[in-house]
N, C-alpha and C. Protein backbone atom coordinates (compact mmCIF):
# COMPACT_ATOMS: atom_id res chain seq x y z
N ALA A 1 3.71 15.88 28.77
CA ALA A 1 3.75 17.19 28.30
C ALA A 1 3.67 17.32 26.80
N ALA A 2 4.40 16.45 26.05
CA ALA A 2 4.26 16.58 24.60
C ALA A 2 2.85 16.25 23.98
N LEU A 3 2.15 15.18 24.70
CA LEU A 3 0.81 15.14 24.27
C LEU A 3 -0.15 16.28 24.51
N PHE A 4 0.08 16.97 25.57
CA PHE A 4 -0.75 18.06 26.16
C PHE A 4 -0.64 19.21 25.27
N TYR A 5 0.82 19.45 24.85
CA TYR A 5 1.11 20.32 23.74
C TYR A 5 0.41 20.32 22.67
N LEU A 6 0.43 18.92 22.12
CA LEU A 6 -0.04 18.61 20.82
C LEU A 6 -1.74 18.84 20.74
N SER A 7 -2.28 18.40 21.79
CA SER A 7 -3.74 18.56 21.83
C SER A 7 -4.10 19.82 22.16
N TRP A 8 -3.63 20.58 23.17
CA TRP A 8 -3.97 21.82 23.58
C TRP A 8 -3.60 22.99 22.71
N ARG A 9 -2.39 22.96 22.37
CA ARG A 9 -1.79 24.07 21.46
C ARG A 9 -1.95 23.89 19.83
N LEU A 10 -1.90 22.66 19.50
CA LEU A 10 -1.95 22.37 18.30
C LEU A 10 -3.36 21.82 17.65
N ASN A 11 -4.17 21.42 18.64
CA ASN A 11 -5.47 20.83 18.35
C ASN A 11 -5.36 19.78 17.40
N GLN A 12 -4.55 18.87 17.91
CA GLN A 12 -4.42 17.64 17.19
C GLN A 12 -4.56 16.45 18.16
N PRO A 13 -5.02 15.37 17.72
CA PRO A 13 -5.24 14.11 18.49
C PRO A 13 -4.11 13.39 18.83
N PRO A 14 -3.77 12.81 19.87
CA PRO A 14 -2.69 11.85 20.41
C PRO A 14 -2.50 10.87 19.28
N TYR A 15 -3.52 10.37 18.66
CA TYR A 15 -3.20 9.38 17.57
C TYR A 15 -2.18 9.75 16.64
N ASP A 16 -2.21 11.19 16.36
CA ASP A 16 -1.16 11.66 15.36
C ASP A 16 0.24 11.76 15.94
N TYR A 17 0.36 11.92 17.25
CA TYR A 17 1.57 11.76 17.88
C TYR A 17 2.34 10.57 17.75
N TYR A 18 1.48 9.36 17.89
CA TYR A 18 2.18 8.06 17.68
C TYR A 18 2.21 7.72 16.22
N LEU A 19 1.35 7.95 15.53
CA LEU A 19 1.30 7.70 13.94
C LEU A 19 2.53 8.35 13.32
N GLN A 20 2.72 9.61 13.55
CA GLN A 20 4.01 10.33 13.01
C GLN A 20 5.08 10.32 13.88
N ARG A 21 5.10 9.50 14.97
CA ARG A 21 6.47 9.32 15.74
C ARG A 21 7.01 10.77 16.04
N MET A 22 6.18 11.69 16.59
CA MET A 22 6.64 12.94 16.82
C MET A 22 7.59 13.10 17.78
N TRP A 23 7.71 12.26 18.71
CA TRP A 23 8.69 12.11 19.85
C TRP A 23 10.15 12.16 19.26
N LEU A 24 10.03 11.66 17.93
CA LEU A 24 11.46 11.82 17.23
C LEU A 24 11.93 13.05 16.68
N ARG A 25 10.91 14.09 16.78
CA ARG A 25 11.19 15.25 16.18
C ARG A 25 11.21 16.26 17.39
N PRO A 26 12.23 16.50 17.81
CA PRO A 26 12.37 17.43 19.09
C PRO A 26 11.85 18.81 18.79
N ASP A 27 11.98 19.51 17.61
CA ASP A 27 11.57 20.85 17.39
C ASP A 27 9.97 20.86 17.24
N ARG A 28 9.26 21.15 18.30
CA ARG A 28 7.64 20.98 18.28
C ARG A 28 7.17 21.99 17.19
N ARG A 29 7.83 22.93 16.84
CA ARG A 29 7.32 23.90 15.68
C ARG A 29 7.19 23.12 14.46
N SER A 30 8.10 22.01 14.08
CA SER A 30 7.72 21.29 12.95
C SER A 30 6.52 20.41 13.02
N TRP A 31 5.92 20.30 14.16
CA TRP A 31 4.66 19.46 14.17
C TRP A 31 3.60 20.33 13.54
N ARG A 32 3.60 21.48 13.17
CA ARG A 32 2.49 21.99 12.86
C ARG A 32 2.54 21.79 11.14
N GLN A 33 3.55 21.23 10.79
CA GLN A 33 3.39 20.86 9.25
C GLN A 33 2.98 19.65 8.82
N LEU A 34 2.51 18.95 9.75
CA LEU A 34 1.68 17.61 9.62
C LEU A 34 0.26 17.90 9.03
N LEU A 35 0.08 16.92 8.09
CA LEU A 35 -1.18 16.89 7.49
C LEU A 35 -1.90 15.68 8.13
N GLN A 36 -2.90 15.85 8.95
CA GLN A 36 -3.38 14.72 9.64
C GLN A 36 -3.95 13.63 8.68
N GLN A 37 -3.94 12.38 9.00
CA GLN A 37 -4.49 11.35 8.09
C GLN A 37 -5.82 11.53 7.75
N ARG A 38 -6.83 12.05 8.65
CA ARG A 38 -8.11 12.12 8.42
C ARG A 38 -8.19 13.37 7.26
N GLU A 39 -7.40 14.20 7.52
CA GLU A 39 -7.50 15.55 6.46
C GLU A 39 -6.91 14.94 5.05
N HIS A 40 -5.95 14.16 5.00
CA HIS A 40 -5.38 13.59 3.73
C HIS A 40 -6.50 12.70 3.13
N VAL A 41 -7.13 11.89 3.90
CA VAL A 41 -8.11 10.86 3.28
C VAL A 41 -9.21 11.88 2.78
N THR A 42 -9.65 12.79 3.62
CA THR A 42 -10.84 13.67 3.00
C THR A 42 -10.41 14.26 1.79
N PHE A 43 -9.13 14.98 1.84
CA PHE A 43 -8.57 15.48 0.62
C PHE A 43 -8.48 14.67 -0.55
N VAL A 44 -8.09 13.42 -0.54
CA VAL A 44 -8.01 12.44 -1.64
C VAL A 44 -9.24 12.07 -2.12
N LYS A 45 -10.31 11.80 -1.31
CA LYS A 45 -11.43 11.44 -1.59
C LYS A 45 -12.26 12.59 -2.40
N HIS A 46 -11.96 13.82 -2.00
CA HIS A 46 -12.52 14.80 -2.58
C HIS A 46 -11.89 15.06 -4.10
N LEU A 47 -10.52 14.86 -4.23
CA LEU A 47 -9.96 14.81 -5.48
C LEU A 47 -10.53 13.85 -6.57
N GLN A 48 -10.66 12.76 -5.97
CA GLN A 48 -11.35 11.53 -6.88
C GLN A 48 -12.64 11.83 -7.21
N LYS A 49 -13.51 12.60 -6.67
CA LYS A 49 -14.87 12.80 -7.00
C LYS A 49 -15.07 14.13 -8.02
N THR A 50 -13.90 14.90 -7.97
CA THR A 50 -14.23 16.13 -8.59
C THR A 50 -13.09 16.22 -9.88
N LEU A 51 -12.08 15.53 -10.00
CA LEU A 51 -11.06 15.68 -11.13
C LEU A 51 -11.46 14.26 -11.95
N PRO A 52 -11.08 14.56 -13.23
CA PRO A 52 -11.26 13.53 -14.33
C PRO A 52 -10.01 12.39 -13.99
N LEU A 53 -10.12 11.50 -13.18
CA LEU A 53 -9.17 10.68 -12.74
C LEU A 53 -9.32 9.31 -13.17
N GLU A 54 -10.31 9.07 -13.99
CA GLU A 54 -10.62 7.43 -14.41
C GLU A 54 -9.33 6.87 -14.80
N GLN A 55 -8.59 7.58 -15.60
CA GLN A 55 -7.60 6.92 -16.30
C GLN A 55 -6.45 6.66 -15.18
N PHE A 56 -6.69 7.23 -13.90
CA PHE A 56 -5.60 6.79 -13.00
C PHE A 56 -6.03 6.10 -11.99
N ASP A 57 -7.27 5.99 -11.93
CA ASP A 57 -8.07 5.32 -10.70
C ASP A 57 -7.69 3.82 -10.95
N ASP A 58 -7.77 3.27 -11.98
CA ASP A 58 -7.63 1.76 -12.22
C ASP A 58 -6.15 1.41 -12.44
N LYS A 59 -5.64 0.61 -11.46
CA LYS A 59 -4.18 0.35 -11.46
C LYS A 59 -3.59 -0.28 -12.72
N LEU A 60 -4.40 -1.11 -13.36
CA LEU A 60 -4.02 -1.68 -14.63
C LEU A 60 -3.83 -0.66 -15.77
N ASN A 61 -4.92 0.30 -15.94
CA ASN A 61 -4.88 1.19 -16.90
C ASN A 61 -3.69 2.13 -16.61
N PHE A 62 -3.53 2.61 -15.48
CA PHE A 62 -2.41 3.52 -15.00
C PHE A 62 -1.18 2.96 -15.43
N TYR A 63 -0.87 1.65 -15.10
CA TYR A 63 0.22 0.90 -15.45
C TYR A 63 0.64 0.89 -16.94
N HIS A 64 -0.38 0.55 -17.65
CA HIS A 64 -0.22 0.60 -19.19
C HIS A 64 0.18 2.05 -19.63
N GLN A 65 -0.51 2.99 -19.11
CA GLN A 65 -0.31 4.28 -19.64
C GLN A 65 1.30 4.74 -19.40
N MET A 66 1.62 4.60 -18.11
CA MET A 66 2.84 4.76 -17.74
C MET A 66 4.06 4.13 -18.54
N LYS A 67 3.79 2.86 -18.80
CA LYS A 67 4.78 2.03 -19.49
C LYS A 67 4.76 2.57 -21.00
N ALA A 68 3.71 2.92 -21.55
CA ALA A 68 3.58 3.34 -22.86
C ALA A 68 4.31 4.68 -23.08
N GLY A 69 4.23 5.48 -22.02
CA GLY A 69 4.90 6.95 -21.93
C GLY A 69 6.34 6.75 -21.53
N GLY A 70 6.84 5.31 -21.15
CA GLY A 70 8.38 5.42 -20.67
C GLY A 70 8.52 5.88 -19.25
N VAL A 71 7.41 5.92 -18.58
CA VAL A 71 7.52 6.54 -17.09
C VAL A 71 7.79 5.29 -16.28
N PRO A 72 9.06 5.30 -15.43
CA PRO A 72 9.24 4.19 -14.42
C PRO A 72 7.93 4.04 -13.43
N THR A 73 7.52 2.81 -13.25
CA THR A 73 6.61 2.75 -12.29
C THR A 73 6.63 1.33 -11.71
N ILE A 74 6.03 1.05 -10.72
CA ILE A 74 6.09 -0.29 -10.01
C ILE A 74 5.59 -1.52 -10.92
N GLU A 75 6.44 -2.37 -11.17
CA GLU A 75 6.09 -3.47 -12.06
C GLU A 75 4.92 -4.27 -11.33
N ILE A 76 4.10 -4.67 -12.43
CA ILE A 76 3.13 -5.63 -11.95
C ILE A 76 3.49 -7.01 -12.27
N LEU A 77 3.74 -7.95 -11.36
CA LEU A 77 4.13 -9.23 -11.52
C LEU A 77 3.06 -10.22 -11.94
N LEU A 78 2.12 -10.04 -11.55
CA LEU A 78 0.85 -10.87 -11.81
C LEU A 78 -0.40 -10.05 -11.83
N ALA A 79 -1.42 -10.39 -12.54
CA ALA A 79 -2.63 -9.71 -12.34
C ALA A 79 -3.73 -10.88 -12.49
N ALA A 80 -4.87 -10.85 -11.76
CA ALA A 80 -5.85 -12.00 -11.68
C ALA A 80 -7.18 -11.31 -11.65
N ALA A 81 -8.06 -11.86 -12.56
CA ALA A 81 -9.35 -11.56 -12.77
C ALA A 81 -10.34 -12.62 -12.98
N ASP A 82 -11.54 -12.64 -12.34
CA ASP A 82 -12.39 -13.83 -12.37
C ASP A 82 -11.87 -15.17 -12.37
N LYS A 83 -11.02 -15.22 -11.25
CA LYS A 83 -10.35 -16.49 -10.65
C LYS A 83 -9.35 -17.03 -11.82
N GLY A 84 -8.79 -16.18 -12.61
CA GLY A 84 -7.81 -16.54 -13.74
C GLY A 84 -6.66 -15.51 -13.90
N TRP A 85 -5.65 -15.99 -14.36
CA TRP A 85 -4.42 -15.14 -14.43
C TRP A 85 -4.64 -14.48 -15.76
N MET A 86 -4.14 -13.01 -15.81
CA MET A 86 -4.08 -12.42 -17.01
C MET A 86 -2.90 -12.48 -17.64
N PRO A 87 -2.91 -12.97 -19.03
CA PRO A 87 -1.72 -13.40 -19.58
C PRO A 87 -0.67 -12.38 -19.94
N GLN A 88 -1.15 -11.18 -20.16
CA GLN A 88 -0.22 -10.07 -20.44
C GLN A 88 0.69 -9.53 -19.25
N PHE A 89 0.40 -10.17 -18.16
CA PHE A 89 1.51 -9.93 -16.91
C PHE A 89 1.94 -11.20 -16.52
N ASP A 90 3.28 -11.41 -16.86
CA ASP A 90 3.89 -12.77 -16.52
C ASP A 90 5.18 -12.66 -15.93
N ALA A 91 5.51 -11.30 -15.55
CA ALA A 91 6.88 -11.10 -14.81
C ALA A 91 6.95 -11.90 -13.59
N GLY A 92 5.89 -12.23 -13.11
CA GLY A 92 5.85 -13.08 -11.83
C GLY A 92 6.20 -14.48 -11.91
N TRP A 93 6.16 -14.98 -13.18
CA TRP A 93 6.37 -16.35 -13.37
C TRP A 93 7.97 -16.53 -13.55
N ALA A 94 8.72 -15.47 -13.68
CA ALA A 94 10.12 -15.61 -13.77
C ALA A 94 10.77 -16.31 -12.57
N ASP A 95 11.78 -16.93 -12.84
CA ASP A 95 12.47 -17.67 -11.67
C ASP A 95 12.91 -16.58 -10.50
N GLY A 96 12.14 -16.96 -9.48
CA GLY A 96 12.44 -16.14 -8.18
C GLY A 96 11.85 -14.91 -8.20
N ALA A 97 11.05 -14.32 -9.10
CA ALA A 97 10.47 -13.12 -9.09
C ALA A 97 9.45 -12.93 -7.88
N LEU A 98 8.99 -13.94 -7.38
CA LEU A 98 7.86 -13.81 -6.27
C LEU A 98 8.59 -14.17 -5.13
N GLN A 99 9.88 -14.50 -4.84
CA GLN A 99 10.53 -14.80 -3.77
C GLN A 99 10.96 -13.44 -3.15
N GLN A 100 9.97 -12.64 -2.62
CA GLN A 100 10.06 -11.40 -2.09
C GLN A 100 8.99 -10.90 -1.22
N ASP A 101 9.04 -9.84 -0.45
CA ASP A 101 8.01 -9.30 0.09
C ASP A 101 7.00 -8.80 -0.92
N LEU A 102 5.61 -9.13 -0.98
CA LEU A 102 4.72 -8.87 -2.01
C LEU A 102 3.53 -8.08 -1.60
N VAL A 103 3.04 -7.35 -2.35
CA VAL A 103 1.75 -6.56 -2.07
C VAL A 103 0.75 -7.10 -3.10
N ILE A 104 -0.61 -7.39 -2.52
CA ILE A 104 -1.68 -7.89 -3.28
C ILE A 104 -2.67 -6.85 -3.18
N LYS A 105 -3.19 -6.27 -4.22
CA LYS A 105 -4.18 -5.11 -4.13
C LYS A 105 -5.21 -5.03 -5.23
N PRO A 106 -6.42 -4.71 -4.97
CA PRO A 106 -7.47 -4.43 -6.05
C PRO A 106 -7.03 -3.24 -6.85
N THR A 107 -7.23 -3.61 -8.17
CA THR A 107 -6.92 -2.57 -9.25
C THR A 107 -7.80 -1.18 -8.98
N ASP A 108 -9.01 -1.30 -8.38
CA ASP A 108 -9.72 -0.13 -8.14
C ASP A 108 -9.77 0.15 -6.84
N GLY A 109 -8.94 -0.13 -5.98
CA GLY A 109 -8.92 0.19 -4.42
C GLY A 109 -8.28 1.57 -4.33
N THR A 110 -8.77 2.34 -3.26
CA THR A 110 -8.40 3.55 -2.69
C THR A 110 -7.94 3.44 -1.39
N MET A 111 -6.96 4.31 -0.79
CA MET A 111 -6.80 4.46 0.64
C MET A 111 -6.40 3.09 1.32
N CYS A 112 -5.68 2.31 0.61
CA CYS A 112 -5.34 0.89 0.98
C CYS A 112 -6.32 -0.13 1.28
N ASP A 113 -7.64 0.22 0.85
CA ASP A 113 -8.70 -0.80 1.17
C ASP A 113 -8.48 -1.98 0.37
N GLY A 114 -8.55 -3.27 0.77
CA GLY A 114 -8.16 -4.38 0.05
C GLY A 114 -6.73 -4.92 -0.17
N VAL A 115 -5.81 -3.97 0.36
CA VAL A 115 -4.40 -4.30 0.28
C VAL A 115 -3.93 -5.34 1.26
N GLU A 116 -3.07 -6.26 0.85
CA GLU A 116 -2.46 -7.25 1.74
C GLU A 116 -0.95 -7.19 1.52
N ILE A 117 -0.19 -7.05 2.49
CA ILE A 117 1.14 -7.04 2.44
C ILE A 117 1.64 -8.39 2.98
N TRP A 118 2.53 -9.14 2.14
CA TRP A 118 2.89 -10.53 2.69
C TRP A 118 4.51 -10.58 2.77
N HIS A 119 5.07 -10.82 3.85
CA HIS A 119 6.56 -10.98 4.11
C HIS A 119 6.89 -12.25 3.72
N TYR A 120 8.00 -12.23 2.81
CA TYR A 120 8.59 -13.47 2.34
C TYR A 120 9.82 -14.05 3.43
N ASP A 121 9.49 -15.19 3.92
CA ASP A 121 10.61 -15.91 4.70
C ASP A 121 11.36 -16.74 3.88
N ARG A 122 12.56 -16.22 3.67
CA ARG A 122 13.44 -16.83 2.86
C ARG A 122 14.03 -18.26 3.29
N PRO A 123 14.46 -18.35 4.58
CA PRO A 123 14.90 -19.78 4.98
C PRO A 123 13.52 -20.78 5.10
N GLY A 124 12.42 -20.41 5.36
CA GLY A 124 11.27 -21.32 5.30
C GLY A 124 10.63 -21.24 4.14
N ASN A 125 10.92 -20.46 3.03
CA ASN A 125 10.25 -20.28 1.92
C ASN A 125 8.74 -20.32 1.90
N PHE A 126 8.27 -19.43 2.83
CA PHE A 126 6.86 -19.08 2.92
C PHE A 126 6.60 -17.68 3.21
N TYR A 127 5.31 -17.13 3.05
CA TYR A 127 4.86 -15.88 3.06
C TYR A 127 4.12 -15.81 4.39
N VAL A 128 4.22 -14.69 5.20
CA VAL A 128 3.49 -14.45 6.46
C VAL A 128 2.82 -13.07 6.21
N LEU A 129 1.51 -12.93 6.71
CA LEU A 129 0.59 -11.81 6.43
C LEU A 129 1.24 -10.74 7.49
N ALA A 130 1.64 -9.47 6.77
CA ALA A 130 2.27 -8.49 7.53
C ALA A 130 1.38 -7.27 7.61
N TYR A 131 0.32 -7.21 6.76
CA TYR A 131 -0.71 -6.04 6.75
C TYR A 131 -1.99 -6.42 6.04
N ARG A 132 -2.99 -6.14 6.51
CA ARG A 132 -4.15 -6.31 5.51
C ARG A 132 -5.29 -5.14 6.12
N LYS A 133 -5.99 -4.67 5.10
CA LYS A 133 -6.94 -3.50 5.33
C LYS A 133 -8.23 -3.99 4.43
N VAL A 134 -9.32 -4.22 5.32
CA VAL A 134 -10.50 -4.48 4.50
C VAL A 134 -11.66 -3.75 5.22
N ASN A 135 -12.37 -3.06 4.49
CA ASN A 135 -13.41 -1.97 4.92
C ASN A 135 -12.89 -1.32 5.95
N GLU A 136 -11.74 -0.91 5.95
CA GLU A 136 -11.18 0.25 6.90
C GLU A 136 -10.67 -0.38 8.24
N VAL A 137 -10.63 -1.66 8.24
CA VAL A 137 -10.18 -2.35 9.34
C VAL A 137 -8.62 -2.91 9.09
N GLU A 138 -7.82 -2.57 9.92
CA GLU A 138 -6.48 -3.01 9.49
C GLU A 138 -6.09 -4.04 10.58
N VAL A 139 -5.25 -4.91 9.96
CA VAL A 139 -4.79 -6.01 10.68
C VAL A 139 -3.29 -5.80 10.62
N ARG A 140 -2.23 -5.86 11.45
CA ARG A 140 -1.06 -5.73 11.36
C ARG A 140 -0.24 -6.91 12.09
N MET A 141 0.44 -7.73 11.28
CA MET A 141 1.15 -8.83 11.70
C MET A 141 0.10 -9.88 12.02
N SER A 142 0.32 -11.13 11.44
CA SER A 142 -0.59 -12.25 11.89
C SER A 142 0.32 -13.46 11.89
N ASP A 143 -0.46 -14.52 12.31
CA ASP A 143 0.36 -15.80 12.12
C ASP A 143 -0.14 -16.52 10.77
N GLU A 144 -1.02 -15.98 10.16
CA GLU A 144 -1.48 -16.49 8.74
C GLU A 144 -0.25 -16.52 7.79
N LYS A 145 -0.06 -17.79 7.29
CA LYS A 145 1.02 -17.95 6.43
C LYS A 145 0.62 -18.93 5.37
N PHE A 146 1.40 -18.71 4.17
CA PHE A 146 1.04 -19.61 2.86
C PHE A 146 2.43 -20.04 2.31
N ASP A 147 2.43 -21.08 1.62
CA ASP A 147 3.69 -21.44 0.62
C ASP A 147 3.12 -20.47 -0.58
N LEU A 148 3.97 -20.67 -1.54
CA LEU A 148 3.66 -19.80 -2.90
C LEU A 148 2.43 -20.18 -3.53
N ALA A 149 2.28 -21.43 -3.50
CA ALA A 149 0.95 -22.00 -4.18
C ALA A 149 -0.20 -21.53 -3.48
N GLY A 150 -0.30 -21.58 -2.15
CA GLY A 150 -1.35 -21.18 -1.29
C GLY A 150 -1.46 -19.71 -1.42
N LEU A 151 -0.43 -18.79 -1.48
CA LEU A 151 -0.65 -17.43 -1.72
C LEU A 151 -1.15 -17.04 -3.08
N LEU A 152 -0.83 -17.84 -4.15
CA LEU A 152 -1.33 -17.51 -5.53
C LEU A 152 -2.93 -18.08 -5.48
N GLY A 153 -3.35 -19.01 -4.79
CA GLY A 153 -4.52 -19.60 -4.64
C GLY A 153 -5.40 -18.44 -3.92
N ARG A 154 -4.91 -17.79 -2.99
CA ARG A 154 -5.69 -16.82 -2.23
C ARG A 154 -5.79 -15.63 -3.38
N VAL A 155 -4.85 -15.22 -4.02
CA VAL A 155 -5.01 -14.13 -5.00
C VAL A 155 -6.29 -14.58 -5.95
N LEU A 156 -6.31 -15.75 -6.57
CA LEU A 156 -7.27 -16.21 -7.46
C LEU A 156 -8.66 -16.23 -6.83
N GLU A 157 -8.76 -16.57 -5.55
CA GLU A 157 -10.01 -16.57 -4.78
C GLU A 157 -10.53 -14.95 -4.69
N LEU A 158 -9.60 -14.17 -4.35
CA LEU A 158 -10.01 -12.77 -4.14
C LEU A 158 -10.35 -12.15 -5.52
N SER A 159 -9.87 -12.63 -6.52
CA SER A 159 -10.13 -12.05 -8.03
C SER A 159 -11.60 -12.52 -8.27
N VAL A 160 -12.30 -13.34 -7.59
CA VAL A 160 -13.69 -13.46 -8.14
C VAL A 160 -14.47 -12.43 -7.88
N GLU A 161 -14.26 -11.47 -7.08
CA GLU A 161 -15.02 -10.11 -6.99
C GLU A 161 -14.36 -8.88 -7.55
N ARG A 162 -13.22 -8.92 -7.61
CA ARG A 162 -12.41 -7.77 -8.02
C ARG A 162 -10.96 -8.14 -8.65
N THR A 163 -10.65 -7.38 -9.61
CA THR A 163 -9.28 -7.66 -10.26
C THR A 163 -8.09 -7.14 -9.24
N TYR A 164 -7.12 -8.11 -9.22
CA TYR A 164 -6.10 -7.88 -8.27
C TYR A 164 -4.79 -7.91 -8.98
N VAL A 165 -3.83 -7.17 -8.53
CA VAL A 165 -2.37 -7.33 -8.96
C VAL A 165 -1.64 -7.60 -7.76
N VAL A 166 -0.50 -8.27 -8.17
CA VAL A 166 0.65 -8.72 -7.28
C VAL A 166 1.94 -7.94 -7.78
N GLN A 167 2.42 -7.09 -6.68
CA GLN A 167 3.61 -6.28 -6.97
C GLN A 167 4.57 -6.56 -5.84
N ALA A 168 5.93 -6.14 -6.21
CA ALA A 168 6.87 -6.21 -5.25
C ALA A 168 6.74 -5.13 -4.12
N ARG A 169 6.88 -5.48 -2.93
CA ARG A 169 6.67 -4.52 -1.79
C ARG A 169 7.80 -3.42 -2.00
N MET A 170 7.27 -2.21 -2.19
CA MET A 170 8.29 -1.13 -2.23
C MET A 170 8.48 -0.39 -0.72
N LYS A 171 9.86 0.22 -0.69
CA LYS A 171 9.89 0.78 0.72
C LYS A 171 10.47 2.12 0.53
N ASN A 172 10.10 3.10 1.34
CA ASN A 172 10.65 4.37 1.15
C ASN A 172 11.97 4.50 1.20
N ASN A 173 12.57 5.58 0.69
CA ASN A 173 13.99 5.93 0.83
C ASN A 173 14.12 6.41 2.18
N PRO A 174 15.13 6.18 3.12
CA PRO A 174 15.09 6.45 4.36
C PRO A 174 14.84 8.02 4.71
N ALA A 175 15.28 8.89 3.63
CA ALA A 175 14.95 10.14 4.00
C ALA A 175 13.61 10.45 4.17
N LEU A 176 12.78 9.83 3.52
CA LEU A 176 11.18 9.98 3.59
C LEU A 176 10.42 9.40 4.78
N ASP A 177 11.13 8.57 5.49
CA ASP A 177 10.55 8.06 6.54
C ASP A 177 9.98 8.95 7.59
N PRO A 178 10.70 9.86 7.89
CA PRO A 178 10.16 11.00 8.88
C PRO A 178 8.78 11.51 8.46
N ILE A 179 8.43 11.61 7.19
CA ILE A 179 7.17 12.14 6.91
C ILE A 179 6.31 11.13 6.36
N SER A 180 6.61 9.85 6.32
CA SER A 180 5.59 8.89 6.00
C SER A 180 5.92 7.48 6.63
N PRO A 181 6.06 7.50 7.85
CA PRO A 181 6.47 6.19 8.56
C PRO A 181 5.59 5.02 8.19
N GLY A 182 6.26 4.17 7.82
CA GLY A 182 5.42 2.75 7.49
C GLY A 182 4.51 2.61 6.26
N THR A 183 4.62 3.71 5.55
CA THR A 183 3.83 3.56 4.26
C THR A 183 4.72 4.24 3.14
N VAL A 184 4.47 3.93 1.95
CA VAL A 184 5.27 4.35 0.93
C VAL A 184 4.73 5.68 0.21
N ALA A 185 5.65 6.67 0.40
CA ALA A 185 5.11 7.93 -0.12
C ALA A 185 5.43 8.05 -1.66
N ASN A 186 4.43 7.88 -2.39
CA ASN A 186 4.44 8.05 -3.77
C ASN A 186 3.28 8.25 -4.74
N PHE A 187 3.34 8.33 -5.77
CA PHE A 187 2.19 8.41 -6.78
C PHE A 187 2.28 7.35 -7.75
N ARG A 188 2.68 6.07 -7.17
CA ARG A 188 2.81 4.90 -7.91
C ARG A 188 3.84 4.97 -9.17
N ILE A 189 4.55 6.12 -9.07
CA ILE A 189 5.67 6.25 -10.22
C ILE A 189 7.02 6.29 -9.35
């Protein structure tokens, strides 16, 4: 009945019902507040083409601007380009800084393309692939795993084609989960 209501009355695909966990929101009137993922992607791509966003599109440039302005932003632990580590990013070499869930992403990526999320297994001291998106194809959970040396080697291999950064995996405040389940709702600040 809920899916029929969503499709027939609100003209939204069943995919949104599952993506947004609408069964957890008993007031169906609140479902109209949803911005569908395809609408969001279209909107963001339009903004990227029409606004002067060059200084924000590159994650390294954005990071430097925020740091210079004293604006808190997600720390870049490591950065790699042309199969080598960029020396100005050395927070990742601090003791234990990489022993946590990590996000590896290209500095010029949009809409999660090229992003990998690695879950750190503390007892086993290894990383397991939790998420990857390449060319709009998503992989969630995998048996692919690396020790730290293997994961860093992977980052260096990826950096042959594009510059990549390594950051700690951030999570939403629980109050934001209903509007952004599974992804971080932010502007990287």
